[in-house]
């Protein structure tokens, strides 16, 4: 496979996964406000993937990548990433709280 095509497919895949988690955050937040753990877990997952992607994108292109691939705002992406940095293993943390 051409590496340029593979790179484009990989970028689309990561954006798709990030947006899938972001959609779950918004769904839980608006539909089931009491489902805070599900919303936090989805935000953590999105943040974790955003951090991985941010390391792959040149610093000067990060905002452009978000605008072209992320369905939320740059501020929301930053919140997701902050959560992912603060909680190394959300699966254990959420299960302990539930």
C-alpha atoms as a PDB file:
ATOM      1  CA  UNK A   1       0.000   0.000   0.000  1.00  0.00           C
ATOM      2  CA  UNK A   2       1.167   3.476  -0.777  1.00  0.00           C
ATOM      3  CA  UNK A   3       2.354   5.076   2.492  1.00  0.00           C
ATOM      4  CA  UNK A   4       0.537   8.341   1.697  1.00  0.00           C
ATOM      5  CA  UNK A   5      -2.754   6.458   1.297  1.00  0.00           C
ATOM      6  CA  UNK A   6      -2.043   4.497   4.475  1.00  0.00           C
ATOM      7  CA  UNK A   7      -1.355   7.728   6.326  1.00  0.00           C
ATOM      8  CA  UNK A   8      -4.628   9.267   5.133  1.00  0.00           C
ATOM      9  CA  UNK A   9      -6.544   6.152   6.172  1.00  0.00           C
ATOM     10  CA  UNK A  10      -4.858   6.171   9.577  1.00  0.00           C
ATOM     11  CA  UNK A  11      -5.773   9.843  10.103  1.00  0.00           C
ATOM     12  CA  UNK A  12      -9.383   9.170   9.167  1.00  0.00           C
ATOM     13  CA  UNK A  13      -9.481   6.179  11.505  1.00  0.00           C
ATOM     14  CA  UNK A  14      -8.162   8.101  14.520  1.00  0.00           C
ATOM     15  CA  UNK A  15     -10.539  10.999  13.825  1.00  0.00           C
ATOM     16  CA  UNK A  16     -13.434   8.548  13.560  1.00  0.00           C
ATOM     17  CA  UNK A  17     -12.528   6.933  16.889  1.00  0.00           C
ATOM     18  CA  UNK A  18     -12.053  10.289  18.671  1.00  0.00           C
ATOM     19  CA  UNK A  19     -15.371  11.588  17.382  1.00  0.00           C
ATOM     20  CA  UNK A  20     -17.101   8.358  18.390  1.00  0.00           C
ATOM     21  CA  UNK A  21     -15.998   8.881  21.987  1.00  0.00           C
ATOM     22  CA  UNK A  22     -16.889  12.574  21.816  1.00  0.00           C
ATOM     23  CA  UNK A  23     -20.416  11.711  20.599  1.00  0.00           C
ATOM     24  CA  UNK A  24     -20.801   9.412  23.602  1.00  0.00           C
ATOM     25  CA  UNK A  25     -19.701  12.228  25.937  1.00  0.00           C
ATOM     26  CA  UNK A  26     -22.323  14.553  24.506  1.00  0.00           C
ATOM     27  CA  UNK A  27     -25.004  11.855  24.522  1.00  0.00           C
ATOM     28  CA  UNK A  28     -24.440  10.926  28.167  1.00  0.00           C
ATOM     29  CA  UNK A  29     -24.112  14.548  29.217  1.00  0.00           C
ATOM     30  CA  UNK A  30     -27.373  15.637  27.609  1.00  0.00           C
ATOM     31  CA  UNK A  31     -29.507  12.497  27.873  1.00  0.00           C
ATOM     32  CA  UNK A  32     -28.458  11.002  31.190  1.00  0.00           C
ATOM     33  CA  UNK A  33     -26.827  13.665  33.363  1.00  0.00           C
ATOM     34  CA  UNK A  34     -26.690  11.169  36.223  1.00  0.00           C
ATOM     35  CA  UNK A  35     -24.494   8.871  34.122  1.00  0.00           C
ATOM     36  CA  UNK A  36     -21.402  10.868  35.004  1.00  0.00           C
ATOM     37  CA  UNK A  37     -19.062   7.864  34.989  1.00  0.00           C
ATOM     38  CA  UNK A  38     -20.013   6.890  31.435  1.00  0.00           C
ATOM     39  CA  UNK A  39     -19.517  10.453  30.267  1.00  0.00           C
ATOM     40  CA  UNK A  40     -16.172  10.791  32.029  1.00  0.00           C
ATOM     41  CA  UNK A  41     -14.972   7.471  30.643  1.00  0.00           C
ATOM     42  CA  UNK A  42     -15.889   8.514  27.084  1.00  0.00           C
ATOM     43  CA  UNK A  43     -14.141  11.877  27.597  1.00  0.00           C
ATOM     44  CA  UNK A  44     -11.074  10.060  28.939  1.00  0.00           C
ATOM     45  CA  UNK A  45     -10.992   7.723  25.926  1.00  0.00           C
ATOM     46  CA  UNK A  46     -11.310  10.656  23.500  1.00  0.00           C
ATOM     47  CA  UNK A  47      -8.590  12.532  25.403  1.00  0.00           C
ATOM     48  CA  UNK A  48      -6.275   9.556  25.321  1.00  0.00           C
ATOM     49  CA  UNK A  49      -6.637   9.275  21.544  1.00  0.00           C
ATOM     50  CA  UNK A  50      -6.285  13.034  21.089  1.00  0.00           C
ATOM     51  CA  UNK A  51      -2.985  12.928  23.002  1.00  0.00           C
ATOM     52  CA  UNK A  52      -1.723  10.152  20.728  1.00  0.00           C
ATOM     53  CA  UNK A  53      -2.736  12.102  17.637  1.00  0.00           C
ATOM     54  CA  UNK A  54      -1.282  15.375  18.927  1.00  0.00           C
ATOM     55  CA  UNK A  55       2.132  13.708  19.186  1.00  0.00           C
ATOM     56  CA  UNK A  56       1.855  12.776  15.486  1.00  0.00           C
ATOM     57  CA  UNK A  57       0.873  16.239  14.226  1.00  0.00           C
ATOM     58  CA  UNK A  58       3.302  19.144  13.964  1.00  0.00           C
ATOM     59  CA  UNK A  59       2.638  21.700  16.709  1.00  0.00           C
ATOM     60  CA  UNK A  60       1.778  24.415  14.219  1.00  0.00           C
ATOM     61  CA  UNK A  61      -0.808  22.134  12.546  1.00  0.00           C
ATOM     62  CA  UNK A  62      -2.617  20.891  15.661  1.00  0.00           C
ATOM     63  CA  UNK A  63      -5.401  23.499  15.583  1.00  0.00           C
ATOM     64  CA  UNK A  64      -5.913  22.831  11.871  1.00  0.00           C
ATOM     65  CA  UNK A  65      -6.086  19.096  12.528  1.00  0.00           C
ATOM     66  CA  UNK A  66      -8.741  19.652  15.217  1.00  0.00           C
ATOM     67  CA  UNK A  67     -10.782  21.936  12.970  1.00  0.00           C
ATOM     68  CA  UNK A  68     -10.670  19.399  10.143  1.00  0.00           C
ATOM     69  CA  UNK A  69     -11.184  16.205  12.114  1.00  0.00           C
ATOM     70  CA  UNK A  70     -12.674  16.783  15.586  1.00  0.00           C
ATOM     71  CA  UNK A  71     -16.384  17.484  15.991  1.00  0.00           C
ATOM     72  CA  UNK A  72     -15.911  19.409  19.240  1.00  0.00           C
ATOM     73  CA  UNK A  73     -14.133  22.669  19.981  1.00  0.00           C
ATOM     74  CA  UNK A  74     -10.425  23.083  20.672  1.00  0.00           C
ATOM     75  CA  UNK A  75     -11.366  23.878  24.278  1.00  0.00           C
ATOM     76  CA  UNK A  76     -13.291  20.600  24.575  1.00  0.00           C
ATOM     77  CA  UNK A  77     -10.349  18.694  23.113  1.00  0.00           C
ATOM     78  CA  UNK A  78      -8.091  20.315  25.711  1.00  0.00           C
ATOM     79  CA  UNK A  79     -10.468  19.265  28.516  1.00  0.00           C
ATOM     80  CA  UNK A  80     -10.499  15.679  27.236  1.00  0.00           C
ATOM     81  CA  UNK A  81      -6.689  15.622  27.035  1.00  0.00           C
ATOM     82  CA  UNK A  82      -6.324  17.136  30.507  1.00  0.00           C
ATOM     83  CA  UNK A  83      -8.561  14.408  31.919  1.00  0.00           C
ATOM     84  CA  UNK A  84      -6.553  11.719  30.138  1.00  0.00           C
ATOM     85  CA  UNK A  85      -3.290  13.116  31.542  1.00  0.00           C
ATOM     86  CA  UNK A  86      -4.694  13.407  35.065  1.00  0.00           C
ATOM     87  CA  UNK A  87      -6.098   9.873  35.209  1.00  0.00           C
ATOM     88  CA  UNK A  88      -3.615   7.328  33.832  1.00  0.00           C
ATOM     89  CA  UNK A  89      -6.046   4.402  34.005  1.00  0.00           C
ATOM     90  CA  UNK A  90      -9.690   5.479  33.915  1.00  0.00           C
ATOM     91  CA  UNK A  91     -10.974   1.914  33.763  1.00  0.00           C
ATOM     92  CA  UNK A  92      -9.699   1.151  37.257  1.00  0.00           C
ATOM     93  CA  UNK A  93     -10.641   4.582  38.632  1.00  0.00           C
ATOM     94  CA  UNK A  94     -14.216   4.428  37.340  1.00  0.00           C
ATOM     95  CA  UNK A  95     -14.788   0.879  38.539  1.00  0.00           C
ATOM     96  CA  UNK A  96     -13.466   1.809  41.970  1.00  0.00           C
ATOM     97  CA  UNK A  97     -15.946   4.716  42.173  1.00  0.00           C
ATOM     98  CA  UNK A  98     -18.965   2.853  40.784  1.00  0.00           C
END
